[in-house]
Protein backbone atom coordinates (compact mmCIF):
# COMPACT_ATOMS: atom_id res chain seq x y z
CA MET A 1 -29.70 -62.77 -21.04
CA PRO A 2 -26.01 -61.21 -21.51
CA SER A 3 -23.73 -62.29 -24.04
CA LYS A 4 -21.15 -64.96 -23.36
CA GLN A 5 -17.84 -62.70 -22.14
CA ARG A 6 -14.84 -63.38 -24.40
CA VAL A 7 -11.76 -65.11 -22.71
CA SER A 8 -8.14 -64.82 -24.17
CA TYR A 9 -5.61 -66.80 -22.44
CA PHE A 10 -1.93 -65.84 -22.73
CA TYR A 11 0.93 -68.52 -22.03
CA GLN A 12 4.40 -68.74 -23.21
CA PRO A 13 5.92 -72.37 -22.70
CA ASP A 14 9.27 -71.45 -21.54
CA VAL A 15 8.35 -69.02 -18.72
CA GLY A 16 8.16 -72.03 -16.30
CA HIS A 17 11.74 -73.32 -16.94
CA PHE A 18 13.50 -70.56 -14.88
CA TYR A 19 14.84 -71.38 -11.63
CA TYR A 20 15.47 -69.07 -8.54
CA GLY A 21 17.76 -71.37 -6.99
CA PRO A 22 17.51 -73.83 -4.20
CA SER A 23 15.04 -73.48 -1.44
CA HIS A 24 13.83 -70.23 -2.96
CA PRO A 25 10.08 -70.01 -2.62
CA MET A 26 9.23 -68.63 -5.78
CA LYS A 27 9.36 -71.56 -8.28
CA PRO A 28 8.00 -70.66 -11.88
CA HIS A 29 7.58 -74.24 -12.43
CA ARG A 30 4.03 -73.71 -10.99
CA LEU A 31 2.92 -72.17 -14.22
CA LYS A 32 3.53 -75.27 -15.87
CA LEU A 33 1.27 -77.33 -13.27
CA THR A 34 -1.12 -74.48 -13.77
CA HIS A 35 -1.27 -75.19 -17.54
CA HIS A 36 -1.29 -78.90 -17.40
CA LEU A 37 -4.52 -78.64 -15.53
CA ILE A 38 -5.98 -76.13 -17.89
CA LEU A 39 -5.21 -78.62 -20.69
CA SER A 40 -6.43 -81.70 -18.79
CA TYR A 41 -9.64 -80.15 -17.76
CA ASN A 42 -10.16 -79.03 -21.60
CA LEU A 43 -10.73 -75.49 -20.47
CA TYR A 44 -8.54 -74.26 -23.21
CA ARG A 45 -11.04 -75.30 -25.83
CA HIS A 46 -13.10 -72.67 -24.51
CA MET A 47 -11.08 -69.73 -25.00
CA GLU A 48 -8.53 -67.76 -27.43
CA CYS A 49 -5.15 -69.07 -26.80
CA TYR A 50 -2.18 -66.94 -27.51
CA ARG A 51 1.81 -67.07 -27.18
CA PRO A 52 2.74 -63.67 -26.22
CA HIS A 53 5.71 -61.66 -27.39
CA PRO A 54 8.77 -60.94 -25.00
CA ALA A 55 8.66 -57.40 -23.84
CA SER A 56 11.54 -55.46 -25.39
CA VAL A 57 13.64 -52.54 -22.97
CA GLY A 58 11.72 -49.93 -24.67
CA GLU A 59 8.28 -51.23 -23.15
CA MET A 60 9.80 -51.90 -19.84
CA THR A 61 11.30 -48.41 -19.72
CA SER A 62 7.93 -46.70 -20.11
CA PHE A 63 7.81 -47.30 -16.40
CA HIS A 64 11.19 -48.53 -14.97
CA THR A 65 14.33 -46.39 -15.31
CA ASP A 66 16.89 -47.10 -18.40
CA GLU A 67 19.72 -47.98 -15.83
CA TYR A 68 17.92 -50.44 -14.11
CA VAL A 69 16.35 -52.33 -16.92
CA GLN A 70 19.92 -52.12 -18.78
CA PHE A 71 21.30 -53.63 -15.49
CA LEU A 72 18.60 -56.60 -15.45
CA HIS A 73 19.70 -57.23 -19.12
CA LYS A 74 23.25 -57.63 -18.61
CA ILE A 75 23.75 -59.27 -15.35
CA HIS A 76 24.00 -63.16 -14.98
CA PRO A 77 25.25 -65.29 -12.45
CA ASP A 78 28.87 -65.65 -14.36
CA ASN A 79 29.55 -61.77 -14.14
CA LEU A 80 28.38 -60.62 -10.47
CA ARG A 81 31.80 -59.49 -9.33
CA HIS A 82 31.33 -56.62 -12.02
CA TYR A 83 27.91 -55.46 -10.80
CA GLN A 84 28.37 -55.48 -7.44
CA ALA A 85 27.54 -51.69 -6.81
CA GLY A 86 24.44 -52.09 -9.13
CA MET A 87 23.45 -55.23 -6.98
CA ALA A 88 23.52 -53.11 -3.84
CA LYS A 89 21.65 -50.24 -5.72
CA PHE A 90 18.90 -51.99 -7.04
CA ASN A 91 18.35 -54.76 -4.40
CA VAL A 92 19.61 -57.65 -6.46
CA GLY A 93 21.56 -60.46 -5.34
CA GLU A 94 22.75 -63.11 -2.77
CA TYR A 95 21.86 -61.56 0.12
CA THR A 96 18.13 -60.16 -0.89
CA ASP A 97 15.04 -62.10 -1.90
CA CYS A 98 15.81 -60.94 -5.72
CA PRO A 99 18.79 -63.38 -6.76
CA VAL A 100 20.40 -63.42 -9.84
CA PHE A 101 19.62 -66.44 -11.94
CA ASP A 102 20.30 -67.94 -15.51
CA GLY A 103 17.59 -66.16 -17.78
CA LEU A 104 16.63 -63.58 -15.38
CA TYR A 105 16.01 -60.95 -17.84
CA GLU A 106 14.36 -63.41 -20.41
CA PHE A 107 12.13 -64.62 -17.65
CA THR A 108 11.05 -60.78 -17.01
CA SER A 109 10.56 -60.57 -20.77
CA LEU A 110 8.15 -63.22 -21.18
CA TYR A 111 5.75 -62.33 -18.13
CA THR A 112 5.90 -58.97 -19.01
CA GLY A 113 5.18 -59.08 -22.60
CA ALA A 114 2.07 -61.41 -21.76
CA SER A 115 0.62 -58.89 -19.40
CA LEU A 116 0.97 -55.90 -22.13
CA ASP A 117 -0.52 -58.37 -25.03
CA GLY A 118 -3.70 -58.63 -22.64
CA ALA A 119 -3.75 -55.08 -22.13
CA VAL A 120 -3.49 -54.07 -25.86
CA GLN A 121 -6.26 -57.03 -26.58
CA LEU A 122 -8.67 -55.37 -23.91
CA ASN A 123 -7.92 -51.82 -25.45
CA ASN A 124 -8.65 -52.84 -29.18
CA GLY A 125 -11.94 -54.54 -27.97
CA ASP A 126 -10.64 -58.03 -28.99
CA THR A 127 -11.66 -59.95 -25.75
CA ASP A 128 -13.44 -59.10 -22.63
CA ILE A 129 -11.08 -61.01 -20.22
CA ALA A 130 -7.58 -61.32 -20.61
CA VAL A 131 -5.44 -63.89 -18.49
CA ASN A 132 -1.73 -64.27 -17.77
CA TRP A 133 -1.12 -66.26 -14.99
CA SER A 134 2.82 -65.57 -14.91
CA GLY A 135 2.16 -61.99 -14.49
CA GLY A 136 1.11 -60.19 -11.19
CA LEU A 137 4.54 -59.48 -9.92
CA HIS A 138 3.60 -56.43 -7.82
CA HIS A 139 6.39 -55.74 -5.49
CA ALA A 140 8.82 -54.16 -8.08
CA LYS A 141 9.44 -50.29 -8.04
CA LYS A 142 10.57 -47.94 -10.79
CA SER A 143 14.38 -48.79 -10.33
CA GLU A 144 14.55 -51.64 -7.64
CA ALA A 145 13.59 -55.23 -7.37
CA SER A 146 11.73 -56.40 -4.47
CA GLY A 147 9.91 -59.20 -3.07
CA PHE A 148 10.82 -61.82 -5.61
CA CYS A 149 9.63 -59.21 -8.18
CA TYR A 150 11.98 -57.56 -10.60
CA ILE A 151 9.87 -55.79 -13.49
CA ASN A 152 6.25 -54.84 -12.58
CA ASP A 153 4.15 -55.88 -15.67
CA ILE A 154 0.90 -54.69 -13.51
CA VAL A 155 2.28 -51.03 -13.79
CA LEU A 156 3.15 -51.51 -17.53
CA ALA A 157 -0.37 -53.23 -18.31
CA ILE A 158 -2.23 -50.30 -16.40
CA LEU A 159 -0.16 -47.63 -18.57
CA GLU A 160 -1.22 -49.38 -21.43
CA LEU A 161 -4.92 -49.34 -20.53
CA LEU A 162 -4.58 -45.68 -19.34
CA ARG A 163 -4.22 -44.89 -23.27
CA VAL A 164 -7.78 -45.88 -23.87
CA HIS A 165 -9.44 -46.06 -20.58
CA ALA A 166 -9.92 -42.78 -18.30
CA ARG A 167 -9.92 -44.53 -15.08
CA VAL A 168 -8.47 -48.05 -14.49
CA LEU A 169 -9.04 -50.04 -10.97
CA TYR A 170 -6.63 -52.32 -9.60
CA ILE A 171 -7.63 -55.43 -7.45
CA ASP A 172 -5.18 -57.29 -5.25
CA ILE A 173 -5.98 -60.27 -3.52
CA ASP A 174 -2.59 -61.45 -2.65
CA VAL A 175 -1.65 -61.92 1.19
CA HIS A 176 0.97 -59.38 0.67
CA HIS A 177 0.24 -55.64 -0.27
CA GLY A 178 0.60 -54.67 -3.69
CA ASP A 179 3.03 -51.77 -2.71
CA GLY A 180 4.98 -51.40 -5.97
CA VAL A 181 1.28 -50.75 -7.77
CA GLU A 182 0.14 -48.53 -5.25
CA GLU A 183 3.65 -46.47 -5.07
CA ALA A 184 3.42 -46.00 -8.85
CA PHE A 185 -0.26 -44.25 -8.81
CA TYR A 186 -0.31 -42.89 -5.47
CA CYS A 187 -0.45 -39.43 -6.55
CA THR A 188 -3.08 -39.93 -9.53
CA ASP A 189 -6.86 -40.22 -9.50
CA ARG A 190 -6.78 -42.28 -12.76
CA VAL A 191 -5.88 -45.38 -11.00
CA MET A 192 -7.59 -46.90 -8.22
CA THR A 193 -5.80 -49.32 -6.01
CA PHE A 194 -7.80 -51.86 -3.65
CA SER A 195 -5.70 -54.38 -1.71
CA LEU A 196 -6.45 -56.72 1.00
CA HIS A 197 -3.55 -58.19 2.95
CA LYS A 198 -1.97 -59.03 6.04
CA TYR A 199 -0.60 -56.28 7.97
CA GLY A 200 1.81 -55.75 10.72
CA ASP A 201 5.00 -57.83 11.07
CA PHE A 202 4.88 -58.97 7.64
CA PHE A 203 6.26 -58.15 4.24
CA PRO A 204 6.20 -55.43 2.87
CA GLY A 205 5.04 -53.50 5.78
CA THR A 206 2.82 -50.85 3.99
CA GLY A 207 -0.70 -50.68 3.21
CA HIS A 208 -2.10 -49.51 6.56
CA SER A 209 -6.01 -48.14 5.91
CA ARG A 210 -4.53 -44.36 6.39
CA ASP A 211 -2.36 -44.80 3.39
CA VAL A 212 -4.97 -43.22 0.75
CA GLY A 213 -3.06 -41.54 -1.54
CA ALA A 214 -1.61 -37.90 -2.02
CA ARG A 215 -2.26 -34.78 -4.33
CA GLU A 216 -4.72 -35.53 -7.28
CA GLY A 217 -4.67 -39.17 -5.93
CA SER A 218 -5.65 -38.69 -2.27
CA GLY A 219 -8.48 -40.95 -1.42
CA PHE A 220 -7.71 -43.27 -4.40
CA SER A 221 -5.38 -45.96 -2.57
CA VAL A 222 -7.93 -48.29 -0.58
CA ASN A 223 -6.16 -50.61 1.78
CA ALA A 224 -8.13 -53.28 3.75
CA PRO A 225 -5.25 -54.02 6.47
CA LEU A 226 -6.01 -57.59 8.16
CA THR A 227 -4.37 -60.51 10.22
CA SER A 228 -3.81 -63.90 10.13
CA GLY A 229 -6.65 -66.71 9.69
CA MET A 230 -8.88 -64.94 7.05
CA THR A 231 -11.75 -67.34 6.23
CA ASP A 232 -13.98 -67.38 3.22
CA GLU A 233 -17.12 -65.92 4.95
CA SER A 234 -14.86 -62.83 6.56
CA TYR A 235 -13.13 -62.04 3.55
CA ILE A 236 -16.18 -62.00 1.19
CA ALA A 237 -17.84 -60.01 3.94
CA LEU A 238 -15.39 -57.13 3.45
CA PHE A 239 -14.52 -57.78 -0.36
CA THR A 240 -17.96 -57.44 -1.71
CA PRO A 241 -19.30 -54.28 -0.48
CA VAL A 242 -16.06 -52.25 -0.65
CA LEU A 243 -16.11 -53.44 -4.26
CA GLU A 244 -19.47 -52.65 -4.98
CA LYS A 245 -18.86 -48.99 -3.62
CA ILE A 246 -15.81 -48.61 -5.42
CA MET A 247 -17.72 -49.44 -8.81
CA GLY A 248 -20.49 -47.03 -8.01
CA VAL A 249 -18.26 -44.25 -7.02
CA TYR A 250 -15.18 -44.53 -9.30
CA GLN A 251 -16.75 -46.18 -12.37
CA PRO A 252 -13.67 -47.68 -14.05
CA GLY A 253 -13.37 -48.30 -17.67
CA ALA A 254 -10.90 -51.08 -17.05
CA ILE A 255 -9.90 -53.57 -14.22
CA VAL A 256 -6.67 -55.29 -13.46
CA LEU A 257 -7.07 -58.14 -10.89
CA GLN A 258 -4.15 -59.83 -9.18
CA CYS A 259 -5.14 -63.18 -7.99
CA GLY A 260 -1.97 -64.15 -5.43
CA ALA A 261 -2.59 -67.63 -4.31
CA ASP A 262 -0.69 -67.21 -1.12
CA SER A 263 -3.79 -66.47 0.68
CA LEU A 264 -5.04 -69.75 0.27
CA ALA A 265 -4.78 -72.16 3.37
CA GLY A 266 -1.76 -73.74 3.50
CA ASP A 267 0.70 -71.57 1.75
CA ARG A 268 4.24 -71.65 2.80
CA LEU A 269 4.43 -68.08 3.10
CA GLY A 270 1.11 -67.09 3.43
CA CYS A 271 -1.13 -66.71 6.88
CA PHE A 272 -4.82 -66.51 5.80
CA ASN A 273 -7.39 -69.57 5.53
CA LEU A 274 -9.18 -69.29 2.31
CA SER A 275 -10.36 -72.26 0.25
CA LEU A 276 -10.20 -72.26 -3.52
CA LYS A 277 -14.32 -71.21 -3.42
CA GLY A 278 -13.54 -68.35 -1.20
CA HIS A 279 -10.67 -67.21 -3.35
CA ALA A 280 -12.52 -67.60 -6.79
CA ALA A 281 -15.51 -65.84 -5.32
CA CYS A 282 -13.61 -62.68 -5.54
CA VAL A 283 -12.74 -63.47 -8.85
CA LYS A 284 -16.61 -64.31 -9.68
CA THR A 285 -17.69 -60.99 -8.25
CA VAL A 286 -15.31 -58.81 -10.11
CA LYS A 287 -16.25 -60.62 -13.48
CA SER A 288 -20.31 -60.04 -12.71
CA TYR A 289 -19.57 -56.23 -13.33
CA ARG A 290 -18.40 -57.13 -16.78
CA VAL A 291 -15.98 -54.65 -17.36
CA PRO A 292 -13.10 -55.29 -19.54
CA THR A 293 -10.52 -57.26 -16.83
CA LEU A 294 -6.85 -58.11 -17.06
CA VAL A 295 -6.63 -61.36 -14.85
CA LEU A 296 -3.19 -62.02 -13.55
CA GLY A 297 -1.28 -64.43 -11.32
CA GLY A 298 0.91 -63.36 -8.27
CA GLY A 299 2.32 -64.89 -5.16
CA GLY A 300 1.63 -68.53 -4.33
CA TYR A 301 4.41 -70.83 -2.85
CA THR A 302 2.71 -74.07 -2.33
CA ILE A 303 2.97 -74.81 -6.27
CA ARG A 304 0.39 -77.83 -6.08
CA ASN A 305 -2.41 -75.44 -4.58
CA VAL A 306 -1.27 -72.69 -6.57
CA ALA A 307 -2.25 -74.75 -9.99
CA ARG A 308 -5.35 -75.81 -8.30
CA CYS A 309 -6.36 -72.30 -7.56
CA TRP A 310 -5.61 -70.66 -11.05
CA ALA A 311 -6.77 -73.60 -13.10
CA TYR A 312 -10.23 -73.52 -10.88
CA GLU A 313 -10.36 -69.78 -11.56
CA THR A 314 -9.99 -70.11 -14.96
CA SER A 315 -12.91 -72.44 -15.16
CA ILE A 316 -14.95 -69.63 -13.17
CA LEU A 317 -14.01 -67.14 -15.85
CA LEU A 318 -15.03 -69.39 -18.52
CA ASP A 319 -18.37 -70.38 -16.78
CA ARG A 320 -17.68 -73.94 -17.14
CA GLU A 321 -17.80 -76.33 -14.26
CA ILE A 322 -15.03 -78.63 -13.74
CA GLU A 323 -15.12 -82.00 -11.70
CA ASN A 324 -13.21 -82.22 -8.23
CA GLN A 325 -11.27 -85.07 -9.18
CA ILE A 326 -8.14 -84.07 -11.02
CA PRO A 327 -7.77 -85.54 -14.34
CA TYR A 328 -4.57 -87.60 -15.34
CA ASN A 329 -1.61 -85.36 -16.16
CA ASP A 330 1.82 -85.06 -16.57
CA TYR A 331 2.29 -83.49 -12.70
CA TYR A 332 -0.62 -85.88 -11.28
CA GLU A 333 1.76 -86.96 -8.57
CA TYR A 334 1.75 -83.72 -7.04
CA TYR A 335 -1.89 -83.73 -5.77
CA ALA A 336 -1.09 -86.85 -3.63
CA PRO A 337 -2.90 -88.06 -1.60
CA ASP A 338 -6.29 -87.36 -2.62
CA TYR A 339 -5.76 -86.01 -5.93
CA GLU A 340 -8.86 -83.73 -5.72
CA LEU A 341 -9.19 -80.05 -6.66
CA HIS A 342 -10.53 -78.21 -3.59
CA LEU A 343 -8.59 -77.66 -0.64
CA GLN A 344 -9.91 -77.71 2.97
CA PRO A 345 -9.15 -74.67 5.37
CA GLU A 346 -6.92 -75.34 8.15
CA ILE A 347 -9.12 -76.28 11.57
CA ALA A 348 -6.29 -75.48 13.72
CA ARG A 349 -5.42 -72.06 12.33
CA GLU A 350 -7.47 -69.30 14.56
CA ASN A 351 -9.08 -66.43 12.84
CA LEU A 352 -7.66 -63.58 14.39
CA ASN A 353 -9.60 -61.09 12.72
CA THR A 354 -12.84 -60.22 15.07
CA GLU A 355 -16.07 -59.29 13.57
CA GLY A 356 -15.50 -55.83 15.43
CA SER A 357 -11.96 -55.45 13.68
CA LEU A 358 -13.48 -56.35 10.39
CA THR A 359 -16.59 -54.16 10.95
CA ALA A 360 -13.90 -51.03 11.71
CA VAL A 361 -12.02 -51.57 8.43
CA ARG A 362 -15.11 -51.93 6.34
CA ASP A 363 -16.37 -48.78 7.73
CA ASP A 364 -13.44 -46.86 7.31
CA LEU A 365 -13.25 -47.73 3.82
CA LEU A 366 -16.80 -47.08 2.97
CA ARG A 367 -16.37 -43.59 4.41
CA GLN A 368 -13.42 -42.96 2.32
CA LEU A 369 -15.10 -43.76 -0.51
CA ASN A 370 -18.19 -41.55 0.45
CA ASP A 371 -15.72 -38.69 0.60
CA LEU A 372 -14.70 -38.87 -3.01
CA LYS A 373 -16.33 -36.64 -5.04
CA GLY A 374 -17.97 -38.92 -7.88
CA ALA A 375 -15.70 -40.62 -10.72
CA PRO A 376 -12.75 -38.21 -11.95
CA SER A 377 -12.92 -37.02 -15.55
CA VAL A 378 -9.94 -36.58 -17.74
CA GLN A 379 -9.46 -35.11 -21.33
CA MET A 380 -9.16 -37.77 -23.55
CA MET A 381 -6.95 -37.20 -26.73
CA GLU A 382 -6.29 -39.09 -29.80
CA VAL A 383 -4.96 -42.59 -28.88
CA PRO A 384 -1.47 -43.12 -29.94
CA PRO A 385 -0.62 -46.08 -31.87
CA SER A 386 0.04 -49.55 -29.81
CA PHE A 387 3.59 -50.53 -28.72
CA VAL A 388 5.34 -52.07 -31.94
CA ILE A 389 7.51 -54.94 -31.85
CA SER A 390 10.57 -54.89 -33.79
CA LYS A 391 11.23 -57.90 -36.13
CA HIS A 392 13.54 -60.11 -34.97
CA SER A 393 15.30 -62.62 -36.85
CA GLY A 394 15.56 -66.26 -36.39
CA SER A 395 13.82 -67.73 -33.30
CA SER A 396 12.10 -64.26 -32.56
CA SER A 397 10.31 -64.30 -35.73
CA ASN A 398 6.45 -63.32 -35.46
CA SER A 399 5.83 -67.00 -36.57
CA ASP A 400 7.21 -67.88 -33.07
CA ARG A 401 4.56 -66.01 -31.30
CA ASN A 402 1.95 -68.76 -32.10
CA LEU A 403 0.96 -70.31 -28.93
CA ILE A 404 2.67 -74.03 -28.73
CA GLU A 405 2.26 -76.31 -25.82
CA GLY A 406 5.61 -77.57 -26.67
CA ASP A 407 8.61 -75.67 -24.39
CA ASN A 408 11.50 -74.56 -26.55
CA THR A 409 9.97 -75.55 -29.96
CA HIS A 410 10.57 -72.20 -31.98
CA GLY A 411 9.06 -71.36 -35.43
CA SER A 412 6.06 -73.75 -35.29
CA THR A 413 2.44 -73.02 -34.98
CA GLY A 414 -0.37 -75.08 -33.23
CA ASN A 415 -0.92 -77.52 -36.04
CA ALA A 416 2.59 -77.87 -37.26
CA SER A 417 3.28 -81.37 -38.65
CA GLN A 418 5.27 -83.88 -36.37
CA ASP A 419 7.89 -83.70 -38.96
CA GLU A 420 8.79 -80.27 -38.36
CA HIS A 421 10.02 -80.92 -34.83
CA PRO A 422 13.52 -82.32 -34.60
CA ASP A 423 13.92 -85.64 -32.48
CA ASP A 424 16.43 -83.94 -29.96
CA MET A 425 13.87 -81.33 -29.05
CA GLU A 426 11.87 -81.35 -26.00
CA ILE A 427 8.22 -81.49 -26.33
CA ASP A 428 6.06 -80.05 -23.01
CA ILE A 429 3.05 -81.81 -24.43
CA ARG A 430 3.54 -85.70 -24.01
CA ASP A 431 1.48 -88.52 -24.19
CA THR A 432 -0.64 -89.07 -20.73
CA SER A 433 0.31 -92.93 -20.84
CA ALA A 434 2.34 -94.27 -17.85
CA ASN A 435 5.36 -94.64 -20.00
CA GLY A 436 6.16 -90.68 -19.82
CA LYS A 437 7.10 -90.51 -23.58
CA THR A 438 6.24 -87.70 -26.05
CA LYS A 439 3.38 -88.26 -28.40
CA ARG A 440 5.88 -89.43 -31.00
CA GLY A 441 6.99 -92.02 -28.70
CA ASP A 442 10.72 -91.29 -28.70
CA GLY A 443 10.94 -88.73 -25.86
CA GLU A 444 11.61 -88.73 -22.13
CA ARG A 445 10.36 -86.81 -19.50
CA ARG A 446 13.63 -84.63 -18.73
CA GLN A 447 14.48 -83.20 -15.33
CA HIS A 448 15.34 -79.73 -14.93
CA ASP A 449 16.03 -77.60 -11.83
CA GLY A 450 12.85 -76.07 -11.76
CA GLU A 451 11.05 -79.32 -11.17
CA LEU A 452 10.66 -81.41 -7.85
CA TYR A 453 11.59 -85.02 -7.55
CA ASP A 454 12.04 -87.39 -4.86
CA ASP A 455 15.32 -86.76 -4.16
CA ASP A 456 14.88 -83.40 -3.84
CA ASP A 457 15.04 -81.68 -0.53
CA ASP A 458 13.63 -78.69 -1.49
CA ASN A 459 9.61 -78.18 -0.71
CA THR A 460 9.69 -81.14 1.52
CA ASP A 461 6.23 -80.93 2.39
CA LEU A 462 5.13 -82.06 -1.23
CA PRO A 463 3.30 -85.48 -1.03
CA ARG A 464 4.28 -88.00 -3.45
CA ALA A 465 2.05 -90.26 -4.83
CA GLY A 466 2.46 -94.22 -4.74
CA LYS A 467 2.83 -96.83 -7.48
CA LYS A 468 -0.53 -97.95 -6.59
CA ASP A 469 -2.08 -94.73 -6.55
CA LYS A 470 -0.51 -93.89 -10.06
CA GLU A 471 -1.75 -97.05 -11.63
CA LYS A 472 -5.48 -96.59 -9.93
CA ALA A 473 -5.42 -92.94 -11.55
CA ILE A 474 -4.17 -94.04 -14.89
CA GLU A 475 -6.83 -96.84 -15.19
CA LYS A 476 -9.52 -94.56 -13.79
CA ASN A 477 -8.70 -91.75 -16.45
CA LYS A 478 -7.91 -93.96 -19.23
CA GLU A 479 -11.11 -93.09 -21.44
CA LYS A 480 -10.35 -89.35 -20.68
CA VAL A 481 -6.91 -89.81 -21.82
CA LYS A 482 -8.00 -91.35 -25.14
CA GLU A 483 -10.43 -88.35 -25.70
CA ARG A 484 -7.91 -85.62 -25.14
CA ARG A 485 -6.37 -83.74 -28.13
CA TYR A 486 -3.54 -81.22 -27.76
CA LEU A 487 -3.04 -78.12 -29.50
CA MET A 488 0.20 -79.48 -31.13
CA SER A 489 -0.01 -82.34 -33.46
CA ASP A 490 -3.76 -82.88 -33.59
CA ASP A 491 -4.71 -85.87 -35.67
CA THR A 492 -7.33 -83.90 -37.19
CA GLY A 493 -5.66 -80.55 -37.93
CA GLU A 494 -7.67 -78.62 -35.77
CA SER A 495 -6.17 -75.83 -33.64
CA ASN A 496 -7.28 -73.48 -31.20
CA THR A 497 -3.97 -71.26 -31.26
CA LYS A 498 -3.58 -67.86 -32.73
CA ALA A 499 -0.65 -65.60 -33.30
CA SER A 500 -0.36 -63.08 -30.44
CA GLY A 501 -1.57 -60.44 -33.05
CA SER A 502 -1.89 -58.05 -30.23
CA ASN A 503 0.91 -55.83 -31.08
CA THR A 504 1.19 -56.10 -34.98
């Protein structure tokens, strides 16, 4: 029987606090919902948990231009009038889909650092599967923001993997084409990109099956252009045989899997009709090849469904079954009215992908792969050192990179005593009783712009839990709540947290 695959989970507590602006569909807050489901399902107990380092300017410029990264580092909402030319040049600002918001550069450094740490761990053989749900921003270009994406953490992670692996396979199951990643590696055979996406009058408008790469990379860009209404059966029937052929022909040393959740049924921007099980079937298939894999997030704009999806796929990666009834957690009301994990496909949505059109796409891709002359080889030399992180003073010290479930709690480790946290500091991991206080009993749930409340007009489709529903859920989960232990302030002193360690 094959040994169990080791899974590492990278999460930075502050990454869910950023806010793109009112009515903008991208909500980093979805990462907090996902994380709390992972906690409430006790999935964190079965994987190594890390607090990643924030990526530096130097790390970002291994792909992006210096001028672009410096621009992102300097710009903020209060100095926009000084950077009008730069905003136009780099596709950032009020009249684009990539706004300037408070903490923009910090946000990009957090999700990028997590992807880099995952790639380094895979290179070092410290894990088999690395998970960063905050990553997967696949539209960003070398010197341009695009599609809510500013820094392309995927490209940077792949470049890190290429230091050790001769060939890397990139798989994208987001409803949008992974254009930024494909463009970055369009002329090389060391990276194969495989993207299934809506094609036509749909952002970004690229990804036709005839876009196969150029020069040395000719044949190594694999695109499956689809249309609206894709169902589980149709999606899996296309994904499985093409991936099987890719694995046989290309033989990658590592895989990067982008799990954009906007291909799910009911997404605000998507138009596919996948269930959680259909989406996760792709993850399970990739996992079955037992190749070192970096698993990333991506799109997803109905945030309660994004959290459902990524929590469920975490359980798939861990080979753990979780119940359909969502356990009570701090964001339980988001899952009203049924409070269940799994989604039902939209009955009214017609699958416009006919059997004939899907067969034609599949045959085109298999023919393209048959024309490749086996796995390309590359002369490998001595591997240079991993990224070196400069030692910062104060709140950026190495001890800060221990995974803490409290937001904005710097300089503490996972088994820190309660006395080490000032009373005025917000702690993310709160007691799950109905009063909403912290585990120390003296805090309150604090509203921030990234969260949605009853008086918020944004995401008006969000269901609200009634008082009776909440009381019923609390009573039903009362025993489970008593059994839950958190990574921080554990009464037994036990901790499942580790220092990032991937770049020391």
